[in-house]
Amino acid sequence: MLSLVMVTSCVGDRNNRLTQLKGPDRFCTVSHTILFWHSNMDWGDLRIFLAIARVGTLGAAARTLGQTQPTMGRRLRALEAVTGQILFQRTADGFILTDEGAAVLGHAERMEEEALGFQRALAGSGGQLEGPLRVSSSEWFGTTILAPILATFGQSHPAVCIELLTDARLYSLPRREADMVFRIKPFEEPEVISRRLLHIPYALYGPAGSSSPRMGDGSGVRVVTMDTAFADMPDALWLKRVLPKAVVAFRSNNREVQARLCAEGAGLAVLPCPLGQCIPGIAAIGIGQKPPGRDTFVGYHRDLRHLARLRALLDLVIEKLAA
């Protein structure tokens, strides 16, 4: 097994050149803190260290890695025993990095990036249209827009198993949490290849036959809008501006929930038009001004640019959706 031991002094001359080491240990990176490969440590324990550092509790870290909480605790104690350092302070609110833990966090993340890059490079060399492909999008986009395209793709390439992840979290392409991501926020990571895919118009919807509320008023109108965590979304701000006196009856970060509440008469809602047009019993309402639409972007890690199954799916998505 190869893993890490923390040494708090620098080995080398003033120009930071490392001297030759004797024995089984070899250096892997250089700074004021040096990490060494050591035969008594397990790489898997480093993943546990990173998971706990990111989420702050054993339970959440265990769910992230698909392990049990007792196993996580046992392996963390083993890691601390091998390194001879306490990496986390245990508190009532969770696990907080100690100074020693914080000192090696960046090194551990860089090692993880290299390991993931190794996996991506191997995956990116595959030329056969078979194997898994993990795709991420919002719930409504996955259900309304992607599902029909994925079904068509599956009929043409039955050996490819697509896993569609739909929630509000932004999955990381560099960490290989997803192979292809669709989202309304542009990608800024330098290792991600992305493009604008399409512009999605939005509209104000209500039960079929609803009368139009008066622009700039909204008295007596009930609305369904985004939850407070997403209150600064362009459509939520627009709704607040054009119907300032409307009563907020329901909040949800799920567009499909908003659409269903609207269909049940709970209130007016601003929805993406592709979704609103699919919901029986509701219709777009004109009030003299349209809500802002949103651009949708697709991205994937550059190491996967030669992955045949990813390229095939991307080509189909662009054919069906690109403006």
Protein backbone atom coordinates (compact mmCIF):
# COMPACT_ATOMS: atom_id res chain seq x y z
CA MET A 1 0.00 0.00 0.00
CA LEU A 2 1.24 3.54 -0.73
CA SER A 3 0.19 6.49 1.36
CA LEU A 4 1.35 9.63 3.10
CA VAL A 5 3.38 10.60 6.12
CA MET A 6 3.77 14.25 7.08
CA VAL A 7 7.26 15.55 7.83
CA THR A 8 7.38 19.09 9.13
CA SER A 9 10.90 19.98 8.08
CA CYS A 10 12.20 20.55 4.58
CA VAL A 11 14.89 18.26 3.17
CA GLY A 12 17.10 19.98 0.61
CA ASP A 13 19.22 23.01 -0.03
CA ARG A 14 18.19 26.66 -0.03
CA ASN A 15 16.89 26.33 -3.59
CA ASN A 16 14.42 23.69 -2.41
CA ARG A 17 16.18 20.83 -4.24
CA LEU A 18 15.58 17.59 -2.39
CA THR A 19 18.50 15.43 -1.34
CA GLN A 20 18.52 11.72 -2.18
CA LEU A 21 16.60 9.71 0.45
CA LYS A 22 17.65 6.30 1.67
CA GLY A 23 15.34 3.36 2.32
CA PRO A 24 11.76 2.69 1.17
CA ASP A 25 10.42 6.24 1.48
CA ARG A 26 10.44 8.59 -1.50
CA PHE A 27 9.34 12.23 -1.78
CA CYS A 28 6.28 13.16 -3.86
CA THR A 29 5.93 16.92 -3.43
CA VAL A 30 7.83 19.89 -2.01
CA SER A 31 6.99 22.78 0.31
CA HIS A 32 7.59 23.69 3.94
CA THR A 33 5.65 20.49 4.65
CA ILE A 34 6.73 17.40 2.74
CA LEU A 35 4.56 14.36 2.07
CA PHE A 36 6.24 11.01 1.76
CA TRP A 37 5.06 7.72 0.40
CA HIS A 38 5.06 5.17 3.18
CA SER A 39 4.32 1.45 2.98
CA ASN A 40 2.18 1.38 6.15
CA MET A 41 -0.55 3.71 4.86
CA ASP A 42 -3.55 3.20 2.61
CA TRP A 43 -4.52 5.56 -0.24
CA GLY A 44 -8.18 4.94 0.61
CA ASP A 45 -7.62 6.60 3.99
CA LEU A 46 -6.66 9.81 2.18
CA ARG A 47 -10.07 9.79 0.46
CA ILE A 48 -11.65 9.49 3.89
CA PHE A 49 -9.58 12.43 5.16
CA LEU A 50 -10.74 14.56 2.22
CA ALA A 51 -14.39 13.54 2.55
CA ILE A 52 -14.50 14.44 6.24
CA ALA A 53 -12.68 17.73 5.62
CA ARG A 54 -15.26 18.69 2.97
CA VAL A 55 -18.51 17.78 4.73
CA GLY A 56 -17.52 18.05 8.38
CA THR A 57 -19.15 14.93 9.83
CA LEU A 58 -18.47 11.21 9.75
CA GLY A 59 -22.05 10.42 8.77
CA ALA A 60 -22.12 12.72 5.75
CA ALA A 61 -18.64 11.59 4.67
CA ALA A 62 -19.72 7.95 4.98
CA ARG A 63 -22.71 8.59 2.71
CA THR A 64 -20.46 10.32 0.18
CA LEU A 65 -18.09 7.35 -0.04
CA GLY A 66 -20.69 4.61 0.43
CA GLN A 67 -19.22 3.35 3.69
CA THR A 68 -20.48 2.98 7.23
CA GLN A 69 -19.86 5.61 9.88
CA PRO A 70 -17.99 3.19 12.21
CA THR A 71 -15.69 2.24 9.34
CA MET A 72 -14.98 5.90 8.62
CA GLY A 73 -14.14 6.56 12.26
CA ARG A 74 -11.90 3.51 12.50
CA ARG A 75 -9.96 4.35 9.34
CA LEU A 76 -9.53 7.98 10.38
CA ARG A 77 -8.06 6.86 13.69
CA ALA A 78 -5.73 4.51 11.82
CA LEU A 79 -4.62 7.37 9.55
CA GLU A 80 -3.89 9.61 12.52
CA ALA A 81 -1.99 6.79 14.22
CA VAL A 82 0.24 6.22 11.20
CA THR A 83 0.93 9.92 10.66
CA GLY A 84 1.38 10.57 14.37
CA GLN A 85 -0.83 13.66 14.01
CA ILE A 86 -4.34 14.64 15.11
CA LEU A 87 -5.88 15.81 11.85
CA PHE A 88 -9.33 16.86 13.13
CA GLN A 89 -10.70 18.49 16.24
CA ARG A 90 -13.85 16.69 17.32
CA THR A 91 -16.59 19.15 18.32
CA ALA A 92 -20.31 19.01 18.99
CA ASP A 93 -20.90 20.55 15.56
CA GLY A 94 -18.65 18.16 13.68
CA PHE A 95 -15.03 17.72 12.65
CA ILE A 96 -12.77 20.75 12.22
CA LEU A 97 -9.30 20.55 10.71
CA THR A 98 -6.44 21.05 13.15
CA ASP A 99 -3.41 23.06 12.07
CA GLU A 100 -1.73 19.80 11.09
CA GLY A 101 -4.75 18.71 9.08
CA ALA A 102 -5.01 22.08 7.35
CA ALA A 103 -1.29 21.93 6.49
CA VAL A 104 -1.71 18.74 4.43
CA LEU A 105 -5.15 19.43 2.96
CA GLY A 106 -3.83 21.12 -0.17
CA HIS A 107 -1.33 18.32 -0.77
CA ALA A 108 -4.06 15.70 -0.38
CA GLU A 109 -6.29 17.54 -2.85
CA ARG A 110 -3.48 17.71 -5.42
CA MET A 111 -2.84 14.00 -5.01
CA GLU A 112 -6.56 13.38 -5.53
CA GLU A 113 -6.50 15.52 -8.68
CA GLU A 114 -3.62 13.48 -10.07
CA ALA A 115 -5.37 10.20 -9.24
CA LEU A 116 -8.57 11.40 -10.90
CA GLY A 117 -6.59 12.65 -13.88
CA PHE A 118 -5.08 9.17 -14.19
CA GLN A 119 -8.59 7.66 -14.22
CA ARG A 120 -9.85 10.22 -16.72
CA ALA A 121 -6.89 9.64 -19.03
CA LEU A 122 -7.62 5.92 -19.07
CA ALA A 123 -11.34 6.49 -19.57
CA GLY A 124 -10.67 9.05 -22.28
CA SER A 125 -8.76 6.53 -24.37
CA GLY A 126 -11.74 4.22 -24.72
CA GLY A 127 -13.13 4.03 -28.25
CA GLN A 128 -16.03 1.63 -27.87
CA LEU A 129 -19.63 2.71 -27.43
CA GLU A 130 -20.11 0.79 -24.23
CA GLY A 131 -19.73 1.41 -20.54
CA PRO A 132 -21.09 3.93 -18.03
CA LEU A 133 -21.72 7.64 -18.56
CA ARG A 134 -22.77 9.91 -15.70
CA VAL A 135 -24.82 12.98 -16.66
CA SER A 136 -25.99 15.78 -14.36
CA SER A 137 -28.72 18.40 -14.79
CA SER A 138 -31.52 20.12 -12.91
CA GLU A 139 -34.59 18.01 -12.23
CA TRP A 140 -36.99 19.68 -14.66
CA PHE A 141 -34.36 19.81 -17.43
CA GLY A 142 -33.53 16.15 -16.96
CA THR A 143 -37.17 15.10 -16.99
CA THR A 144 -38.49 17.35 -19.75
CA ILE A 145 -35.53 17.99 -22.04
CA LEU A 146 -32.95 15.24 -21.57
CA ALA A 147 -35.04 12.12 -20.93
CA PRO A 148 -36.38 11.84 -24.51
CA ILE A 149 -32.89 12.41 -25.94
CA LEU A 150 -31.33 9.86 -23.60
CA ALA A 151 -34.00 7.32 -24.55
CA THR A 152 -33.17 7.81 -28.23
CA PHE A 153 -29.46 7.49 -27.49
CA GLY A 154 -30.05 4.27 -25.55
CA GLN A 155 -31.88 2.71 -28.47
CA SER A 156 -28.90 3.38 -30.73
CA HIS A 157 -26.24 2.44 -28.17
CA PRO A 158 -27.68 -0.18 -25.82
CA ALA A 159 -24.28 -1.05 -24.34
CA VAL A 160 -23.92 2.42 -22.81
CA CYS A 161 -25.45 2.77 -19.33
CA ILE A 162 -26.35 6.39 -18.58
CA GLU A 163 -26.77 7.52 -14.98
CA LEU A 164 -28.74 10.77 -14.81
CA LEU A 165 -28.23 12.79 -11.63
CA THR A 166 -30.88 15.48 -11.13
CA ASP A 167 -30.69 17.87 -8.20
CA ALA A 168 -29.75 21.45 -7.39
CA ARG A 169 -26.13 20.65 -6.51
CA LEU A 170 -23.43 21.60 -9.01
CA TYR A 171 -21.56 18.37 -9.68
CA SER A 172 -17.81 18.72 -10.19
CA LEU A 173 -16.32 17.65 -13.49
CA PRO A 174 -12.69 17.86 -12.28
CA ARG A 175 -13.53 15.50 -9.38
CA ARG A 176 -15.28 13.11 -11.77
CA GLU A 177 -18.61 13.46 -9.94
CA ALA A 178 -20.14 13.58 -13.42
CA ASP A 179 -18.90 13.08 -16.98
CA MET A 180 -21.21 15.62 -18.61
CA VAL A 181 -23.02 18.49 -16.88
CA PHE A 182 -25.88 20.71 -18.04
CA ARG A 183 -26.46 23.91 -16.08
CA ILE A 184 -27.49 27.55 -16.34
CA LYS A 185 -24.24 28.83 -14.83
CA PRO A 186 -21.25 29.13 -17.20
CA PHE A 187 -18.28 26.89 -16.47
CA GLU A 188 -15.17 28.68 -15.21
CA GLU A 189 -12.87 25.72 -14.54
CA PRO A 190 -9.90 25.85 -16.98
CA GLU A 191 -9.90 22.06 -17.44
CA VAL A 192 -13.56 21.99 -18.55
CA ILE A 193 -14.60 22.18 -22.20
CA SER A 194 -18.01 23.85 -22.46
CA ARG A 195 -20.36 25.61 -24.82
CA ARG A 196 -23.62 27.50 -24.72
CA LEU A 197 -26.25 24.99 -25.76
CA LEU A 198 -29.54 26.87 -26.00
CA HIS A 199 -31.60 29.76 -24.67
CA ILE A 200 -34.73 28.77 -22.75
CA PRO A 201 -37.60 31.30 -22.62
CA TYR A 202 -39.66 31.65 -19.44
CA ALA A 203 -43.28 32.79 -19.02
CA LEU A 204 -45.80 33.52 -16.28
CA TYR A 205 -48.22 30.60 -15.96
CA GLY A 206 -51.56 30.12 -14.28
CA PRO A 207 -54.54 27.74 -14.48
CA ALA A 208 -56.06 27.73 -17.96
CA GLY A 209 -58.51 30.61 -18.31
CA SER A 210 -56.91 32.76 -15.61
CA SER A 211 -57.24 36.50 -16.02
CA SER A 212 -54.09 38.58 -16.37
CA PRO A 213 -52.99 40.44 -13.22
CA ARG A 214 -52.26 44.12 -13.51
CA MET A 215 -48.64 44.93 -14.22
CA GLY A 216 -46.94 46.69 -11.30
CA ASP A 217 -49.65 45.74 -8.81
CA GLY A 218 -50.58 42.13 -8.03
CA SER A 219 -53.17 42.87 -5.34
CA GLY A 220 -55.19 39.76 -4.56
CA VAL A 221 -52.82 37.51 -6.53
CA ARG A 222 -51.12 34.46 -5.04
CA VAL A 223 -47.80 33.34 -6.50
CA VAL A 224 -45.49 30.33 -6.34
CA THR A 225 -41.82 31.24 -6.48
CA MET A 226 -38.29 30.10 -5.65
CA ASP A 227 -37.27 29.31 -2.09
CA THR A 228 -35.30 31.91 -0.14
CA ALA A 229 -31.94 30.35 -1.00
CA PHE A 230 -32.65 31.08 -4.70
CA ALA A 231 -34.56 34.33 -4.20
CA ASP A 232 -32.05 36.20 -6.37
CA MET A 233 -32.79 34.13 -9.47
CA PRO A 234 -33.71 36.44 -12.38
CA ASP A 235 -37.26 35.07 -12.70
CA ALA A 236 -37.91 35.39 -8.96
CA LEU A 237 -36.70 38.99 -8.97
CA TRP A 238 -38.82 39.72 -12.04
CA LEU A 239 -41.95 38.29 -10.41
CA LYS A 240 -41.37 40.39 -7.29
CA ARG A 241 -40.89 43.51 -9.40
CA VAL A 242 -43.88 43.17 -11.73
CA LEU A 243 -46.33 41.95 -9.03
CA PRO A 244 -45.02 43.66 -5.87
CA LYS A 245 -48.30 43.32 -3.94
CA ALA A 246 -48.82 39.65 -4.69
CA VAL A 247 -48.87 37.19 -1.78
CA VAL A 248 -46.19 34.51 -1.86
CA ALA A 249 -48.24 31.38 -1.23
CA PHE A 250 -45.56 28.73 -1.80
CA ARG A 251 -41.80 28.52 -2.28
CA SER A 252 -39.83 25.67 -3.82
CA ASN A 253 -36.48 25.19 -5.54
CA ASN A 254 -38.08 22.46 -7.69
CA ARG A 255 -39.58 23.75 -10.93
CA GLU A 256 -41.78 20.69 -11.36
CA VAL A 257 -43.23 21.24 -7.89
CA GLN A 258 -43.91 24.86 -8.79
CA ALA A 259 -45.64 23.78 -11.99
CA ARG A 260 -47.79 21.22 -10.20
CA LEU A 261 -48.80 23.74 -7.53
CA CYS A 262 -49.72 26.17 -10.29
CA ALA A 263 -51.85 23.51 -12.00
CA GLU A 264 -53.64 22.84 -8.71
CA GLY A 265 -54.58 26.52 -8.39
CA ALA A 266 -52.10 27.36 -5.64
CA GLY A 267 -50.83 30.46 -7.45
CA LEU A 268 -49.21 31.90 -10.54
CA ALA A 269 -45.66 30.76 -11.31
CA VAL A 270 -42.84 31.73 -13.62
CA LEU A 271 -41.74 28.55 -15.41
CA PRO A 272 -39.42 27.52 -18.24
CA CYS A 273 -41.64 27.34 -21.31
CA PRO A 274 -40.64 23.76 -22.25
CA LEU A 275 -41.86 22.68 -18.82
CA GLY A 276 -44.95 24.85 -18.70
CA GLN A 277 -46.08 23.58 -22.08
CA CYS A 278 -45.96 19.99 -20.80
CA ILE A 279 -48.17 20.53 -17.74
CA PRO A 280 -51.88 19.92 -18.35
CA GLY A 281 -54.27 22.57 -17.13
CA ILE A 282 -51.97 25.61 -17.16
CA ALA A 283 -51.32 28.29 -19.77
CA ALA A 284 -48.99 31.25 -20.23
CA ILE A 285 -50.36 34.61 -19.09
CA GLY A 286 -49.33 37.83 -20.80
CA ILE A 287 -48.99 40.95 -18.66
CA GLY A 288 -47.14 43.18 -21.12
CA GLN A 289 -43.62 42.06 -20.21
CA LYS A 290 -41.91 38.69 -20.46
CA PRO A 291 -39.73 37.30 -17.67
CA PRO A 292 -36.03 36.85 -18.46
CA GLY A 293 -35.02 33.55 -20.04
CA ARG A 294 -31.89 31.58 -19.21
CA ASP A 295 -29.02 30.18 -21.23
CA THR A 296 -28.09 26.53 -20.70
CA PHE A 297 -24.49 25.35 -20.94
CA VAL A 298 -23.03 21.87 -21.34
CA GLY A 299 -19.56 20.93 -20.15
CA TYR A 300 -17.22 17.97 -19.78
CA HIS A 301 -13.64 17.46 -18.65
CA ARG A 302 -11.05 17.90 -21.39
CA ASP A 303 -9.51 14.50 -20.55
CA LEU A 304 -12.73 12.88 -21.81
CA ARG A 305 -12.80 14.65 -25.16
CA HIS A 306 -11.85 11.44 -26.98
CA LEU A 307 -14.30 9.22 -25.09
CA ALA A 308 -16.46 7.81 -27.88
CA ARG A 309 -19.66 7.38 -25.88
CA LEU A 310 -19.46 10.92 -24.52
CA ARG A 311 -18.83 12.37 -27.96
CA ALA A 312 -21.76 10.42 -29.39
CA LEU A 313 -24.14 11.67 -26.74
CA LEU A 314 -22.87 15.24 -27.07
CA ASP A 315 -23.37 15.14 -30.85
CA LEU A 316 -26.96 13.96 -30.38
CA VAL A 317 -27.70 16.62 -27.73
CA ILE A 318 -26.30 19.35 -29.99
CA GLU A 319 -28.29 18.04 -32.95
CA LYS A 320 -31.55 18.10 -30.94
CA LEU A 321 -31.08 21.24 -28.85
CA ALA A 322 -28.40 23.61 -30.09
CA ALA A 323 -29.76 26.98 -31.15
